[in-house]
């Protein structure tokens, strides 16, 4: 019986490790910009191809968050672009290591056009 418990424990640990690996670069995006975000894109750092909108349907209002799926752990360093709902302004945050970030709070000053982010 003890041997059976050890085997079950090892299998459980292995399966939980696989779950962590499968989505280890996913992160929570918190909109702290003061504006509603309509679209979110990722591109390898300094790349030109933004790919598909990561928000999909809907918007991300200010002070709300959304889980962003990111599976490309071979290219952890990414640029992130958002498009704001009100006036189609596009803003970019560069060089984010998504493999090290669990939660990313975006900040934006529209007057100075300054971007910043709080990484957790």
N, C-alpha and C. Protein backbone atom coordinates (compact mmCIF):
# COMPACT_ATOMS: atom_id res chain seq x y z
N UNK A 1 0.82 -1.20 0.00
CA UNK A 1 0.00 0.00 0.00
C UNK A 1 0.87 1.26 0.00
N UNK A 2 1.94 1.26 0.77
CA UNK A 2 2.84 2.40 0.83
C UNK A 2 3.48 2.65 -0.53
N UNK A 3 3.85 1.57 -1.20
CA UNK A 3 4.46 1.70 -2.53
C UNK A 3 3.45 2.31 -3.50
N UNK A 4 2.20 1.90 -3.43
CA UNK A 4 1.14 2.44 -4.29
C UNK A 4 0.99 3.94 -4.06
N UNK A 5 1.02 4.38 -2.80
CA UNK A 5 0.90 5.80 -2.47
C UNK A 5 2.07 6.60 -3.04
N UNK A 6 3.27 6.02 -2.97
CA UNK A 6 4.44 6.71 -3.52
C UNK A 6 4.30 6.88 -5.03
N UNK A 7 3.84 5.84 -5.71
CA UNK A 7 3.66 5.91 -7.17
C UNK A 7 2.61 6.95 -7.53
N UNK A 8 1.49 6.94 -6.83
CA UNK A 8 0.43 7.92 -7.08
C UNK A 8 0.96 9.33 -6.84
N UNK A 9 1.73 9.52 -5.79
CA UNK A 9 2.31 10.83 -5.49
C UNK A 9 3.25 11.29 -6.59
N UNK A 10 4.10 10.41 -7.10
CA UNK A 10 5.02 10.77 -8.17
C UNK A 10 4.28 11.12 -9.45
N UNK A 11 3.24 10.36 -9.76
CA UNK A 11 2.44 10.66 -10.95
C UNK A 11 1.77 12.01 -10.80
N UNK A 12 1.24 12.31 -9.64
CA UNK A 12 0.59 13.60 -9.40
C UNK A 12 1.56 14.75 -9.57
N UNK A 13 2.76 14.60 -9.03
CA UNK A 13 3.78 15.64 -9.17
C UNK A 13 4.15 15.82 -10.63
N UNK A 14 4.32 14.73 -11.37
CA UNK A 14 4.67 14.81 -12.78
C UNK A 14 3.59 15.51 -13.58
N UNK A 15 2.33 15.18 -13.33
CA UNK A 15 1.23 15.80 -14.06
C UNK A 15 1.11 17.28 -13.73
N UNK A 16 1.29 17.65 -12.49
CA UNK A 16 1.20 19.07 -12.14
C UNK A 16 2.36 19.84 -12.76
N UNK A 17 3.52 19.22 -12.88
CA UNK A 17 4.65 19.88 -13.53
C UNK A 17 4.37 20.11 -15.00
N UNK A 18 3.75 19.13 -15.65
CA UNK A 18 3.40 19.30 -17.06
C UNK A 18 2.42 20.44 -17.24
N UNK A 19 1.48 20.59 -16.35
CA UNK A 19 0.52 21.68 -16.44
C UNK A 19 1.21 23.02 -16.33
N UNK A 20 2.20 23.11 -15.48
CA UNK A 20 2.92 24.37 -15.32
C UNK A 20 3.74 24.69 -16.55
N UNK A 21 4.32 23.67 -17.18
CA UNK A 21 5.11 23.87 -18.38
C UNK A 21 4.24 24.27 -19.55
N UNK A 22 3.08 23.67 -19.69
CA UNK A 22 2.22 23.92 -20.84
C UNK A 22 1.84 25.38 -20.97
N UNK A 23 1.59 26.06 -19.87
CA UNK A 23 1.19 27.45 -19.94
C UNK A 23 2.12 28.37 -19.16
N UNK A 24 3.41 28.00 -19.06
CA UNK A 24 4.30 28.74 -18.17
C UNK A 24 4.57 30.17 -18.62
N UNK A 25 4.23 30.54 -19.85
CA UNK A 25 4.45 31.92 -20.29
C UNK A 25 3.13 32.70 -20.38
N UNK A 26 2.01 32.07 -20.04
CA UNK A 26 0.75 32.81 -19.98
C UNK A 26 0.88 33.87 -18.89
N UNK A 27 0.18 34.99 -19.05
CA UNK A 27 0.26 36.05 -18.06
C UNK A 27 -1.06 36.81 -17.99
N UNK A 28 -1.27 37.46 -16.86
CA UNK A 28 -2.45 38.29 -16.67
C UNK A 28 -2.09 39.71 -17.06
N UNK A 29 -2.88 40.28 -17.96
CA UNK A 29 -2.68 41.65 -18.41
C UNK A 29 -3.69 42.54 -17.71
N UNK A 30 -3.20 43.52 -16.94
CA UNK A 30 -4.07 44.47 -16.25
C UNK A 30 -3.96 45.81 -16.96
N UNK A 31 -5.09 46.34 -17.36
CA UNK A 31 -5.14 47.63 -18.04
C UNK A 31 -5.16 48.75 -17.00
N UNK A 32 -4.03 49.41 -16.85
CA UNK A 32 -3.93 50.55 -15.95
C UNK A 32 -3.64 51.83 -16.71
N UNK A 33 -4.06 51.87 -17.98
CA UNK A 33 -3.74 52.99 -18.86
C UNK A 33 -4.69 54.17 -18.70
N UNK A 34 -5.88 53.93 -18.16
CA UNK A 34 -6.88 54.98 -18.08
C UNK A 34 -7.82 54.98 -19.26
N UNK A 35 -7.60 54.07 -20.21
CA UNK A 35 -8.40 54.02 -21.43
C UNK A 35 -8.80 52.57 -21.73
N UNK A 36 -9.89 52.39 -22.44
CA UNK A 36 -10.32 51.05 -22.85
C UNK A 36 -9.44 50.55 -24.00
N UNK A 37 -8.94 49.32 -23.85
CA UNK A 37 -8.12 48.69 -24.90
C UNK A 37 -9.04 47.82 -25.75
N UNK A 38 -8.94 47.99 -27.07
CA UNK A 38 -9.76 47.20 -27.99
C UNK A 38 -9.00 45.98 -28.53
N UNK A 39 -7.69 46.11 -28.70
CA UNK A 39 -6.89 45.03 -29.29
C UNK A 39 -5.54 44.93 -28.58
N UNK A 40 -5.01 43.70 -28.51
CA UNK A 40 -3.69 43.44 -27.93
C UNK A 40 -2.94 42.51 -28.88
N UNK A 41 -1.70 42.88 -29.20
CA UNK A 41 -0.88 42.07 -30.11
C UNK A 41 0.48 41.80 -29.48
N UNK A 42 1.07 40.66 -29.83
CA UNK A 42 2.43 40.32 -29.41
C UNK A 42 3.28 40.06 -30.65
N UNK A 43 4.56 40.39 -30.54
CA UNK A 43 5.51 40.13 -31.61
C UNK A 43 6.87 39.89 -30.96
N UNK A 44 7.66 38.95 -31.51
CA UNK A 44 9.02 38.83 -30.97
C UNK A 44 9.68 40.20 -30.96
N UNK A 45 10.49 40.47 -29.94
CA UNK A 45 11.11 41.79 -29.77
C UNK A 45 11.71 42.30 -31.08
N UNK A 46 11.40 43.53 -31.40
CA UNK A 46 11.87 44.21 -32.60
C UNK A 46 11.39 43.56 -33.90
N UNK A 47 10.38 42.69 -33.81
CA UNK A 47 9.80 42.09 -35.01
C UNK A 47 8.77 43.02 -35.63
N UNK A 48 8.31 42.66 -36.78
CA UNK A 48 7.34 43.50 -37.49
C UNK A 48 5.98 42.82 -37.65
N UNK A 49 5.88 41.54 -37.32
CA UNK A 49 4.63 40.81 -37.51
C UNK A 49 3.90 40.71 -36.17
N UNK A 50 2.77 41.42 -36.03
CA UNK A 50 2.03 41.44 -34.78
C UNK A 50 1.11 40.25 -34.61
N UNK A 51 0.83 39.52 -35.64
CA UNK A 51 -0.03 38.35 -35.50
C UNK A 51 -1.47 38.73 -35.22
N UNK A 52 -2.19 37.84 -34.54
CA UNK A 52 -3.61 38.02 -34.27
C UNK A 52 -3.87 38.78 -32.97
N UNK A 53 -5.01 39.42 -32.91
CA UNK A 53 -5.46 40.12 -31.70
C UNK A 53 -5.61 39.11 -30.57
N UNK A 54 -4.90 39.30 -29.46
CA UNK A 54 -4.93 38.37 -28.32
C UNK A 54 -6.16 38.54 -27.45
N UNK A 55 -6.88 39.65 -27.58
CA UNK A 55 -8.10 39.82 -26.79
C UNK A 55 -9.27 39.05 -27.40
N UNK A 56 -9.23 38.87 -28.72
CA UNK A 56 -10.36 38.20 -29.36
C UNK A 56 -11.58 39.10 -29.31
N UNK A 57 -12.70 38.54 -28.95
CA UNK A 57 -13.94 39.31 -28.85
C UNK A 57 -13.92 40.16 -27.59
N UNK A 58 -14.45 41.36 -27.70
CA UNK A 58 -14.59 42.21 -26.52
C UNK A 58 -13.44 43.17 -26.36
N UNK A 59 -13.51 43.91 -25.28
CA UNK A 59 -12.53 44.94 -24.97
C UNK A 59 -11.98 44.69 -23.57
N UNK A 60 -10.95 45.45 -23.22
CA UNK A 60 -10.38 45.40 -21.89
C UNK A 60 -10.49 46.79 -21.28
N UNK A 61 -11.54 47.03 -20.49
CA UNK A 61 -11.71 48.35 -19.86
C UNK A 61 -10.58 48.66 -18.88
N UNK A 62 -10.43 49.95 -18.58
CA UNK A 62 -9.44 50.37 -17.59
C UNK A 62 -9.70 49.68 -16.25
N UNK A 63 -8.62 49.30 -15.57
CA UNK A 63 -8.64 48.62 -14.27
C UNK A 63 -9.23 47.22 -14.31
N UNK A 64 -9.33 46.62 -15.49
CA UNK A 64 -9.77 45.23 -15.64
C UNK A 64 -8.60 44.40 -16.15
N UNK A 65 -8.67 43.09 -15.94
CA UNK A 65 -7.58 42.22 -16.38
C UNK A 65 -8.10 41.07 -17.23
N UNK A 66 -7.17 40.46 -17.94
CA UNK A 66 -7.50 39.33 -18.80
C UNK A 66 -6.28 38.42 -18.88
N UNK A 67 -6.52 37.11 -18.87
CA UNK A 67 -5.43 36.15 -19.05
C UNK A 67 -5.06 36.11 -20.53
N UNK A 68 -3.78 36.31 -20.82
CA UNK A 68 -3.28 36.25 -22.19
C UNK A 68 -2.48 34.96 -22.33
N UNK A 69 -2.86 34.14 -23.27
CA UNK A 69 -2.18 32.87 -23.53
C UNK A 69 -0.94 33.14 -24.38
N UNK A 70 0.18 32.58 -23.95
CA UNK A 70 1.43 32.75 -24.68
C UNK A 70 2.24 31.47 -24.53
N UNK A 71 2.41 30.76 -25.61
CA UNK A 71 3.06 29.44 -25.55
C UNK A 71 4.46 29.42 -26.17
N UNK A 72 4.92 30.54 -26.74
CA UNK A 72 6.19 30.55 -27.46
C UNK A 72 7.36 30.82 -26.52
N UNK A 73 7.65 29.87 -25.63
CA UNK A 73 8.72 30.08 -24.65
C UNK A 73 10.10 30.07 -25.30
N UNK A 74 10.20 29.74 -26.59
CA UNK A 74 11.47 29.84 -27.30
C UNK A 74 11.77 31.31 -27.65
N UNK A 75 10.74 32.15 -27.64
CA UNK A 75 10.88 33.59 -27.92
C UNK A 75 10.24 34.37 -26.79
N UNK A 76 10.84 34.30 -25.62
CA UNK A 76 10.25 34.93 -24.43
C UNK A 76 10.19 36.44 -24.53
N UNK A 77 11.21 37.05 -25.13
CA UNK A 77 11.24 38.51 -25.20
C UNK A 77 10.32 38.98 -26.33
N UNK A 78 9.27 39.68 -25.92
CA UNK A 78 8.23 40.12 -26.85
C UNK A 78 7.96 41.61 -26.72
N UNK A 79 7.48 42.20 -27.80
CA UNK A 79 6.92 43.54 -27.76
C UNK A 79 5.41 43.36 -27.70
N UNK A 80 4.73 44.27 -27.02
CA UNK A 80 3.28 44.21 -26.87
C UNK A 80 2.69 45.51 -27.40
N UNK A 81 1.72 45.39 -28.27
CA UNK A 81 1.05 46.56 -28.83
C UNK A 81 -0.42 46.53 -28.44
N UNK A 82 -0.95 47.69 -28.05
CA UNK A 82 -2.39 47.80 -27.81
C UNK A 82 -2.97 48.84 -28.75
N UNK A 83 -4.24 48.68 -29.05
CA UNK A 83 -5.00 49.67 -29.80
C UNK A 83 -6.13 50.11 -28.89
N UNK A 84 -6.19 51.42 -28.65
CA UNK A 84 -7.23 51.96 -27.77
C UNK A 84 -8.54 52.12 -28.53
N UNK A 85 -9.62 51.92 -27.81
CA UNK A 85 -10.96 51.91 -28.39
C UNK A 85 -11.40 53.27 -28.92
N UNK A 86 -11.17 54.30 -28.18
CA UNK A 86 -11.76 55.61 -28.50
C UNK A 86 -11.23 56.22 -29.81
N UNK A 87 -9.90 56.16 -30.02
CA UNK A 87 -9.35 56.87 -31.18
C UNK A 87 -8.36 56.06 -32.01
N UNK A 88 -8.33 54.76 -31.84
CA UNK A 88 -7.45 53.86 -32.61
C UNK A 88 -5.96 54.12 -32.38
N UNK A 89 -5.59 54.82 -31.30
CA UNK A 89 -4.18 55.03 -30.98
C UNK A 89 -3.51 53.69 -30.75
N UNK A 90 -2.33 53.50 -31.35
CA UNK A 90 -1.53 52.29 -31.16
C UNK A 90 -0.32 52.64 -30.29
N UNK A 91 -0.10 51.84 -29.25
CA UNK A 91 1.00 52.09 -28.32
C UNK A 91 1.74 50.78 -28.11
N UNK A 92 3.07 50.85 -28.01
CA UNK A 92 3.92 49.65 -27.91
C UNK A 92 4.75 49.68 -26.62
N UNK A 93 4.80 48.53 -25.95
CA UNK A 93 5.70 48.28 -24.82
C UNK A 93 6.74 47.30 -25.36
N UNK A 94 8.01 47.64 -25.26
CA UNK A 94 9.06 46.84 -25.90
C UNK A 94 9.84 45.99 -24.90
N UNK A 95 10.33 44.85 -25.41
CA UNK A 95 11.28 44.02 -24.68
C UNK A 95 10.76 43.40 -23.39
N UNK A 96 9.55 42.86 -23.41
CA UNK A 96 8.99 42.22 -22.22
C UNK A 96 9.34 40.73 -22.21
N UNK A 97 9.94 40.26 -21.13
CA UNK A 97 10.26 38.84 -21.01
C UNK A 97 9.04 38.11 -20.45
N UNK A 98 8.20 37.62 -21.34
CA UNK A 98 6.94 37.02 -20.93
C UNK A 98 7.10 35.70 -20.17
N UNK A 99 8.26 35.08 -20.28
CA UNK A 99 8.50 33.85 -19.52
C UNK A 99 8.76 34.15 -18.04
N UNK A 100 9.07 35.40 -17.72
CA UNK A 100 9.35 35.81 -16.34
C UNK A 100 8.20 36.60 -15.72
N UNK A 101 7.18 36.93 -16.50
CA UNK A 101 6.10 37.79 -16.02
C UNK A 101 4.84 36.96 -15.77
N UNK A 102 4.28 37.10 -14.58
CA UNK A 102 2.99 36.46 -14.28
C UNK A 102 1.84 37.45 -14.44
N UNK A 103 2.12 38.71 -14.09
CA UNK A 103 1.11 39.75 -14.19
C UNK A 103 1.79 41.01 -14.71
N UNK A 104 1.15 41.65 -15.69
CA UNK A 104 1.71 42.85 -16.31
C UNK A 104 0.65 43.93 -16.27
N UNK A 105 0.96 45.03 -15.57
CA UNK A 105 0.06 46.18 -15.49
C UNK A 105 0.59 47.26 -16.42
N UNK A 106 -0.19 47.59 -17.44
CA UNK A 106 0.20 48.60 -18.41
C UNK A 106 -0.15 50.00 -17.92
N UNK A 107 0.77 50.93 -18.11
CA UNK A 107 0.56 52.34 -17.78
C UNK A 107 0.86 53.16 -19.04
N UNK A 108 0.10 54.25 -19.22
CA UNK A 108 0.31 55.10 -20.39
C UNK A 108 -0.11 56.52 -20.08
N UNK A 109 0.79 57.46 -20.40
CA UNK A 109 0.49 58.88 -20.25
C UNK A 109 0.28 59.43 -21.66
N UNK A 110 -0.95 59.74 -21.98
CA UNK A 110 -1.30 60.19 -23.33
C UNK A 110 -0.68 61.55 -23.65
N UNK A 111 -0.52 62.41 -22.67
CA UNK A 111 0.03 63.74 -22.90
C UNK A 111 1.50 63.65 -23.31
N UNK A 112 2.29 62.87 -22.55
CA UNK A 112 3.73 62.76 -22.83
C UNK A 112 4.06 61.57 -23.73
N UNK A 113 3.06 60.74 -24.00
CA UNK A 113 3.24 59.51 -24.80
C UNK A 113 4.26 58.55 -24.16
N UNK A 114 4.28 58.54 -22.83
CA UNK A 114 5.18 57.71 -22.08
C UNK A 114 4.49 56.40 -21.69
N UNK A 115 5.17 55.28 -21.96
CA UNK A 115 4.65 53.97 -21.56
C UNK A 115 5.50 53.45 -20.42
N UNK A 116 4.87 52.69 -19.53
CA UNK A 116 5.58 51.98 -18.48
C UNK A 116 4.74 50.76 -18.12
N UNK A 117 5.33 49.88 -17.35
CA UNK A 117 4.62 48.66 -16.97
C UNK A 117 5.14 48.19 -15.62
N UNK A 118 4.23 47.63 -14.85
CA UNK A 118 4.58 47.00 -13.58
C UNK A 118 4.58 45.51 -13.84
N UNK A 119 5.74 44.88 -13.62
CA UNK A 119 5.90 43.45 -13.88
C UNK A 119 5.92 42.68 -12.57
N UNK A 120 5.11 41.66 -12.49
CA UNK A 120 5.09 40.80 -11.29
C UNK A 120 5.33 39.37 -11.70
